[in-house]
Amino acid sequence: MFKKLFFSFILLFAGSSVLADSIAPASFSTTLTKGQSTTIRKVVTINDEATTSLVDVMFVLDNTGSMGAALTSLRTNIDAAMVQTASLGNVRWGVGHFEDVNPGWGSGIDQAWTLALQPTDDQAAVGAAVNFPLGFGGDTPESNLIGLQSAATEVNWRPGSARFIVYVTDAPGHDPDTTPGYPGPTLQQTIDSLIAANIKVLAFTNTDFQAVEQAQLIADATNGNLDTSGLIDWGGRVAANVTVAASTYTTVSLGLNNPAGVGVIFAPVNHPAGPYDRSVTRTFEFDVTFTAVDSGQYDFTIDALVDGGVVATENDSITVPAEPVVSTVKAVPTVGMFAMAAGSLGIFGMSGFLARRRKNK
């Protein structure tokens, strides 16, 4: 019993205290008979600043010939950007870049996508990863959409993290819908992949009309942001853009990690969409209904989610006792048997008495 209580305490501390935001009550336990339900109110508190969030940031960088000055701006500012965003919590950075597809669209030596570094908190590794040689690109549109979709599907995004792609380009991406035969995803397919991976795109581009138009569509669809202030000094704005994006949110909901033996329903499923920000502390209430489905002991967690990222976790324990076994075999009526036996003996005794009387006559 002591070990179980100690373990429960550790779970409560790890689940509810590690993150700055919270769920109250931090734990709940009860016993329900099969088919029985109970409803409790859970309150999610989103604090006025993100200090212990899980944040994954992935650079998806245009590495073609015209991007030399833009990439120099990143290399000059990357260390400062990582230091300035450290207060958000557990932040990891990754690096990838694109040029174009060969043969047919690239310069002959280009790569459609290069995953240079999976997200890491090793700042030296990130600084080294952004120092890659400049490519070429061939024609003006590049393999932007291949890079974005590849980042959505190939990067090791941490479960429960707030996910951002810092997308930097001065040209639009080839779209098979407008470039027949191009071997890459369409704009819509790219957007669908980003949404499915719960990624917000923070785009930086210049004044190229087609690049701006395409980047705006991607940023809007993913609840991200587009910065068109120029690429010469964009590296100095990375930290501010990531911080703002990590401190604003649209949806607050609950996420479930429970076994099938207990049914769980949230009301509401999501609170009305924002936008919200962390300028003030906000609370969101949910009614959580637990229903016992099968007998057993069920220990599980419920997460508080901000735009799909985990910001707090609480612990639940539901006990569903086994139902008593009802026998289908009928018991032998012992008393009835003795009565029958006694009655039988009485009948046989009377028959003998009558037989003797007839004989004596």
Protein backbone atom coordinates (compact mmCIF):
# COMPACT_ATOMS: atom_id res chain seq x y z
CA MET A 1 0.00 0.00 0.00
CA PHE A 2 2.81 2.43 0.91
CA LYS A 3 4.56 1.79 -2.41
CA LYS A 4 1.32 2.43 -4.31
CA LEU A 5 0.69 5.70 -2.47
CA PHE A 6 4.30 6.81 -3.02
CA PHE A 7 4.06 6.00 -6.74
CA SER A 8 0.78 7.92 -6.99
CA PHE A 9 2.47 10.92 -5.36
CA ILE A 10 5.30 10.80 -7.87
CA LEU A 11 2.81 10.64 -10.73
CA LEU A 12 0.90 13.60 -9.38
CA PHE A 13 4.05 15.65 -8.99
CA ALA A 14 5.37 14.73 -12.43
CA GLY A 15 2.05 15.18 -14.17
CA SER A 16 0.66 18.33 -12.61
CA SER A 17 3.59 20.30 -11.23
CA VAL A 18 6.15 20.09 -14.00
CA LEU A 19 4.12 22.28 -16.35
CA ALA A 20 3.24 25.88 -15.52
CA ASP A 21 -0.37 25.46 -16.65
CA SER A 22 -2.63 23.13 -14.68
CA ILE A 23 -5.78 21.03 -14.35
CA ALA A 24 -7.80 21.03 -11.13
CA PRO A 25 -8.46 18.69 -9.50
CA ALA A 26 -5.01 17.28 -10.20
CA SER A 27 -6.30 13.78 -9.56
CA PHE A 28 -9.58 11.90 -9.18
CA SER A 29 -10.42 8.41 -7.99
CA THR A 30 -13.67 6.55 -7.41
CA THR A 31 -15.32 3.15 -7.53
CA LEU A 32 -18.10 2.54 -10.05
CA THR A 33 -20.19 -0.54 -10.62
CA LYS A 34 -20.48 -1.75 -14.19
CA GLY A 35 -22.74 0.62 -16.14
CA GLN A 36 -22.57 3.35 -13.50
CA SER A 37 -21.46 6.90 -14.36
CA THR A 38 -20.19 9.94 -12.50
CA THR A 39 -19.46 13.49 -13.67
CA ILE A 40 -16.91 15.92 -12.25
CA ARG A 41 -15.86 19.46 -13.19
CA LYS A 42 -12.25 19.96 -14.32
CA VAL A 43 -10.78 23.45 -14.62
CA VAL A 44 -7.86 24.10 -16.96
CA THR A 45 -5.76 27.15 -16.09
CA ILE A 46 -3.58 28.68 -18.80
CA ASN A 47 -1.10 31.03 -17.14
CA ASP A 48 -0.08 34.46 -18.33
CA GLU A 49 3.22 33.22 -19.69
CA ALA A 50 4.59 30.02 -21.20
CA THR A 51 7.55 28.98 -19.10
CA THR A 52 7.61 25.18 -19.24
CA SER A 53 6.08 24.34 -22.60
CA LEU A 54 7.33 21.63 -24.94
CA VAL A 55 8.26 23.52 -28.12
CA ASP A 56 9.69 22.03 -31.32
CA VAL A 57 10.92 24.47 -34.00
CA MET A 58 12.02 23.27 -37.43
CA PHE A 59 13.75 25.49 -39.98
CA VAL A 60 12.66 24.78 -43.56
CA LEU A 61 15.01 26.98 -45.58
CA ASP A 62 15.25 27.89 -49.23
CA ASN A 63 18.89 27.18 -50.06
CA THR A 64 18.99 28.41 -53.66
CA GLY A 65 21.46 30.92 -55.08
CA SER A 66 19.53 34.10 -54.25
CA MET A 67 19.27 33.24 -50.53
CA GLY A 68 22.90 33.94 -49.54
CA ALA A 69 22.23 37.12 -47.54
CA ALA A 70 19.12 35.64 -45.89
CA LEU A 71 21.02 32.58 -44.69
CA THR A 72 23.87 34.78 -43.42
CA SER A 73 21.29 36.64 -41.33
CA LEU A 74 20.20 33.34 -39.75
CA ARG A 75 23.76 32.21 -39.05
CA THR A 76 24.54 35.54 -37.41
CA ASN A 77 21.48 35.45 -35.15
CA ILE A 78 20.81 31.76 -34.45
CA ASP A 79 22.62 31.62 -31.09
CA ALA A 80 20.79 34.70 -29.81
CA ALA A 81 17.45 33.33 -31.04
CA MET A 82 17.92 30.10 -29.09
CA VAL A 83 18.89 31.99 -25.93
CA GLN A 84 15.96 34.40 -26.20
CA THR A 85 13.38 31.61 -26.60
CA ALA A 86 14.76 29.41 -23.80
CA SER A 87 12.32 31.00 -21.32
CA LEU A 88 9.44 29.32 -23.15
CA GLY A 89 10.46 26.01 -21.59
CA ASN A 90 11.87 22.90 -23.23
CA VAL A 91 12.65 24.17 -26.74
CA ARG A 92 14.27 22.09 -29.48
CA TRP A 93 15.44 23.28 -32.89
CA GLY A 94 15.91 21.35 -36.14
CA VAL A 95 17.21 22.27 -39.58
CA GLY A 96 16.24 21.31 -43.13
CA HIS A 97 16.62 22.94 -46.53
CA PHE A 98 15.41 22.59 -50.10
CA GLU A 99 16.51 23.51 -53.62
CA ASP A 100 14.73 21.69 -56.47
CA VAL A 101 14.07 18.36 -58.18
CA ASN A 102 16.54 16.78 -60.58
CA PRO A 103 16.35 16.10 -63.43
CA GLY A 104 14.06 18.58 -65.12
CA TRP A 105 13.70 21.47 -62.68
CA GLY A 106 16.92 21.78 -60.69
CA SER A 107 20.37 22.90 -61.73
CA GLY A 108 21.65 19.34 -61.95
CA ILE A 109 23.21 19.07 -58.49
CA ASP A 110 20.31 20.34 -56.36
CA GLN A 111 18.43 18.37 -53.70
CA ALA A 112 14.66 18.57 -53.36
CA TRP A 113 14.94 18.22 -49.56
CA THR A 114 17.70 17.71 -47.03
CA LEU A 115 16.96 16.93 -43.39
CA ALA A 116 20.14 18.33 -41.86
CA LEU A 117 19.26 17.99 -38.16
CA GLN A 118 16.37 16.53 -36.19
CA PRO A 119 15.09 18.84 -33.40
CA THR A 120 17.56 18.99 -30.51
CA ASP A 121 18.38 21.15 -27.50
CA ASP A 122 22.07 20.99 -28.41
CA GLN A 123 22.68 24.62 -29.41
CA ALA A 124 26.14 23.92 -30.83
CA ALA A 125 24.68 21.26 -33.11
CA VAL A 126 22.01 23.69 -34.35
CA GLY A 127 24.62 26.37 -35.01
CA ALA A 128 26.69 23.90 -37.01
CA ALA A 129 23.68 22.58 -38.94
CA VAL A 130 22.75 25.97 -40.42
CA ASN A 131 26.20 26.29 -41.99
CA PHE A 132 25.54 24.28 -45.16
CA PRO A 133 26.85 25.19 -48.64
CA LEU A 134 24.60 27.29 -50.87
CA GLY A 135 22.82 25.47 -53.68
CA PHE A 136 21.49 26.74 -57.02
CA GLY A 137 17.84 26.03 -57.85
CA GLY A 138 17.56 26.17 -61.62
CA ASP A 139 14.23 27.82 -62.44
CA THR A 140 12.53 30.35 -60.14
CA PRO A 141 9.95 28.15 -58.38
CA GLU A 142 11.66 25.63 -56.09
CA SER A 143 10.77 22.47 -54.16
CA ASN A 144 9.26 24.44 -51.28
CA LEU A 145 6.21 22.19 -50.96
CA ILE A 146 8.33 19.05 -50.93
CA GLY A 147 10.38 20.58 -48.11
CA LEU A 148 7.33 21.53 -46.06
CA GLN A 149 5.55 18.21 -46.48
CA SER A 150 8.76 16.29 -45.76
CA ALA A 151 9.26 18.26 -42.56
CA ALA A 152 5.69 17.47 -41.51
CA THR A 153 6.09 13.74 -42.07
CA GLU A 154 9.80 12.96 -41.49
CA VAL A 155 10.77 15.08 -38.49
CA ASN A 156 10.79 13.51 -35.02
CA TRP A 157 8.22 15.83 -33.48
CA ARG A 158 7.84 15.09 -29.78
CA PRO A 159 4.44 13.81 -28.65
CA GLY A 160 2.49 16.66 -27.10
CA SER A 161 4.83 19.42 -28.30
CA ALA A 162 3.82 22.79 -29.71
CA ARG A 163 5.18 22.56 -33.26
CA PHE A 164 6.43 25.34 -35.49
CA ILE A 165 8.06 25.45 -38.89
CA VAL A 166 10.12 28.56 -39.62
CA TYR A 167 9.74 28.66 -43.40
CA VAL A 168 12.03 31.05 -45.29
CA THR A 169 12.00 31.65 -49.05
CA ASP A 170 12.13 34.31 -51.74
CA ALA A 171 10.30 32.22 -54.36
CA PRO A 172 7.09 30.18 -54.65
CA GLY A 173 7.10 26.41 -54.66
CA HIS A 174 6.33 24.24 -57.68
CA ASP A 175 2.75 22.96 -57.50
CA PRO A 176 1.76 19.99 -59.72
CA ASP A 177 -1.62 21.67 -60.15
CA THR A 178 0.10 24.47 -62.07
CA THR A 179 3.32 22.66 -63.09
CA PRO A 180 2.18 19.48 -64.90
CA GLY A 181 4.41 16.51 -64.23
CA TYR A 182 6.18 17.99 -61.23
CA PRO A 183 6.90 15.10 -58.80
CA GLY A 184 5.80 16.67 -55.56
CA PRO A 185 2.74 17.40 -53.43
CA THR A 186 0.17 20.01 -54.39
CA LEU A 187 -0.32 23.07 -52.23
CA GLN A 188 -3.45 21.53 -50.70
CA GLN A 189 -1.73 18.22 -50.00
CA THR A 190 1.09 20.10 -48.29
CA ILE A 191 -1.34 22.06 -46.15
CA ASP A 192 -3.20 18.87 -45.25
CA SER A 193 0.06 17.25 -44.08
CA LEU A 194 0.94 20.27 -41.95
CA ILE A 195 -2.49 20.36 -40.33
CA ALA A 196 -2.44 16.60 -39.70
CA ALA A 197 0.88 17.01 -37.85
CA ASN A 198 -0.51 19.98 -35.87
CA ILE A 199 2.18 22.35 -37.15
CA LYS A 200 1.99 26.15 -37.31
CA VAL A 201 4.02 27.71 -40.12
CA LEU A 202 5.85 30.95 -39.38
CA ALA A 203 6.76 32.17 -42.86
CA PHE A 204 9.36 34.78 -43.83
CA THR A 205 9.55 36.03 -47.39
CA ASN A 206 10.22 39.14 -49.44
CA THR A 207 7.94 41.02 -51.82
CA ASP A 208 7.77 38.38 -54.59
CA PHE A 209 4.03 38.29 -55.30
CA GLN A 210 3.72 34.57 -55.90
CA ALA A 211 5.91 33.67 -52.94
CA VAL A 212 3.88 35.95 -50.66
CA GLU A 213 0.55 34.64 -51.94
CA GLN A 214 1.51 30.99 -51.46
CA ALA A 215 3.13 31.57 -48.05
CA GLN A 216 0.07 33.50 -46.87
CA LEU A 217 -2.21 30.59 -47.75
CA ILE A 218 0.03 28.16 -45.87
CA ALA A 219 0.36 30.41 -42.80
CA ASP A 220 -3.38 31.12 -42.62
CA ALA A 221 -4.35 27.46 -43.01
CA THR A 222 -2.05 26.40 -40.16
CA ASN A 223 -2.88 29.31 -37.81
CA GLY A 224 0.65 30.56 -38.30
CA ASN A 225 2.06 33.92 -39.37
CA LEU A 226 3.61 35.61 -42.39
CA ASP A 227 6.44 38.16 -42.03
CA THR A 228 7.17 40.18 -45.18
CA SER A 229 9.49 42.72 -43.56
CA GLY A 230 12.42 41.51 -45.63
CA LEU A 231 14.98 38.73 -45.58
CA ILE A 232 18.19 40.69 -45.09
CA ASP A 233 17.70 40.91 -41.31
CA TRP A 234 14.97 38.34 -40.73
CA GLY A 235 17.24 36.27 -38.47
CA GLY A 236 16.95 38.94 -35.79
CA ARG A 237 13.16 38.52 -35.77
CA VAL A 238 13.04 34.75 -35.39
CA ALA A 239 12.96 34.72 -31.60
CA ALA A 240 10.20 37.33 -31.40
CA ASN A 241 8.03 35.51 -33.93
CA VAL A 242 8.45 32.14 -32.21
CA THR A 243 7.75 33.68 -28.80
CA VAL A 244 4.55 35.36 -30.00
CA ALA A 245 3.40 32.18 -31.72
CA ALA A 246 4.06 30.11 -28.58
CA SER A 247 2.20 32.65 -26.44
CA THR A 248 -0.98 32.86 -28.52
CA TYR A 249 -3.48 30.08 -29.00
CA THR A 250 -6.84 29.29 -30.55
CA THR A 251 -8.20 26.09 -29.00
CA VAL A 252 -8.24 24.66 -25.48
CA SER A 253 -9.32 21.04 -25.14
CA LEU A 254 -8.73 17.82 -23.21
CA GLY A 255 -6.87 14.77 -24.48
CA LEU A 256 -7.51 11.24 -23.24
CA ASN A 257 -5.08 8.42 -22.48
CA ASN A 258 -7.36 5.78 -20.99
CA PRO A 259 -8.10 2.05 -21.40
CA ALA A 260 -11.29 0.79 -22.98
CA GLY A 261 -12.68 -0.37 -19.63
CA VAL A 262 -13.86 3.16 -18.78
CA GLY A 263 -15.83 5.45 -21.09
CA VAL A 264 -14.95 9.14 -20.87
CA ILE A 265 -16.90 12.05 -22.35
CA PHE A 266 -15.86 15.72 -22.29
CA ALA A 267 -18.34 18.59 -22.37
CA PRO A 268 -17.56 20.76 -24.18
CA VAL A 269 -15.21 18.91 -26.50
CA ASN A 270 -13.48 22.23 -27.26
CA HIS A 271 -14.02 25.70 -25.88
CA PRO A 272 -15.01 28.42 -28.36
CA ALA A 273 -12.11 29.20 -30.64
CA GLY A 274 -9.92 32.18 -29.74
CA PRO A 275 -7.70 33.85 -30.50
CA TYR A 276 -6.39 33.94 -26.94
CA ASP A 277 -3.04 35.10 -25.65
CA ARG A 278 -1.03 34.82 -22.46
CA SER A 279 -1.35 38.48 -21.54
CA VAL A 280 -3.61 37.30 -18.68
CA THR A 281 -4.29 34.00 -16.90
CA ARG A 282 -7.39 32.29 -18.28
CA THR A 283 -9.50 29.38 -17.03
CA PHE A 284 -11.55 26.88 -19.04
CA GLU A 285 -14.08 24.50 -17.48
CA PHE A 286 -14.97 20.99 -18.65
CA ASP A 287 -17.48 18.46 -17.34
CA VAL A 288 -15.91 15.01 -17.51
CA THR A 289 -18.19 11.96 -17.32
CA PHE A 290 -16.72 8.56 -16.47
CA THR A 291 -18.74 5.40 -17.21
CA ALA A 292 -17.71 1.93 -16.02
CA VAL A 293 -17.67 -0.48 -18.97
CA ASP A 294 -15.73 -3.54 -17.77
CA SER A 295 -14.53 -4.69 -14.37
CA GLY A 296 -10.92 -3.93 -13.47
CA GLN A 297 -8.58 -1.29 -12.05
CA TYR A 298 -7.98 1.60 -14.47
CA ASP A 299 -5.26 4.21 -13.89
CA PHE A 300 -4.90 6.75 -16.68
CA THR A 301 -4.30 10.42 -17.47
CA ILE A 302 -6.10 13.34 -19.07
CA ASP A 303 -4.07 16.08 -20.77
CA ALA A 304 -4.88 19.76 -21.11
CA LEU A 305 -4.18 20.76 -24.71
CA VAL A 306 -3.48 24.19 -26.13
CA ASP A 307 -3.73 24.01 -29.91
CA GLY A 308 -3.04 20.28 -29.59
CA GLY A 309 0.09 20.66 -27.44
CA VAL A 310 0.14 19.22 -23.92
CA VAL A 311 0.40 21.93 -21.25
CA ALA A 312 -0.74 19.98 -18.16
CA THR A 313 -1.63 16.41 -17.15
CA GLU A 314 -3.78 15.00 -14.36
CA ASN A 315 -4.26 11.45 -13.08
CA ASP A 316 -7.45 9.38 -12.71
CA SER A 317 -8.07 6.04 -11.02
CA ILE A 318 -11.34 4.19 -11.58
CA THR A 319 -12.10 0.89 -9.85
CA VAL A 320 -14.83 -1.31 -11.34
CA PRO A 321 -15.45 -4.32 -9.07
CA ALA A 322 -16.11 -7.71 -10.57
CA GLU A 323 -19.79 -8.61 -10.57
CA PRO A 324 -20.85 -11.47 -8.20
CA VAL A 325 -21.10 -14.82 -9.96
CA VAL A 326 -24.69 -16.08 -10.02
CA SER A 327 -24.88 -19.92 -10.24
CA THR A 328 -27.22 -21.44 -12.83
CA VAL A 329 -27.28 -24.89 -11.07
CA LYS A 330 -30.35 -25.39 -8.86
CA ALA A 331 -29.65 -26.51 -5.30
CA VAL A 332 -31.11 -29.84 -4.13
CA PRO A 333 -33.96 -29.15 -1.67
CA THR A 334 -32.61 -31.18 1.30
CA VAL A 335 -35.61 -30.58 3.55
CA GLY A 336 -37.97 -31.72 0.82
CA MET A 337 -35.99 -34.95 0.41
CA PHE A 338 -36.31 -35.80 4.09
CA ALA A 339 -40.02 -35.05 3.93
CA MET A 340 -40.38 -37.28 0.89
CA ALA A 341 -38.42 -40.04 2.60
CA ALA A 342 -40.51 -39.77 5.72
CA GLY A 343 -43.67 -39.83 3.67
CA SER A 344 -42.48 -42.90 1.80
CA LEU A 345 -41.70 -44.73 5.02
CA GLY A 346 -45.14 -43.84 6.34
CA ILE A 347 -46.84 -45.21 3.25
CA PHE A 348 -44.83 -48.44 3.34
CA GLY A 349 -45.57 -48.84 7.08
CA MET A 350 -49.30 -48.40 6.57
CA SER A 351 -49.32 -50.91 3.71
CA GLY A 352 -47.66 -53.54 5.96
CA PHE A 353 -50.13 -52.90 8.78
CA LEU A 354 -53.13 -53.36 6.49
CA ALA A 355 -51.62 -56.55 5.06
CA ARG A 356 -51.15 -58.02 8.54
CA ARG A 357 -54.74 -57.19 9.51
CA ARG A 358 -56.09 -59.03 6.46
CA LYS A 359 -53.94 -62.07 7.25
CA ASN A 360 -55.03 -62.21 10.89
CA LYS A 361 -58.63 -62.27 9.84
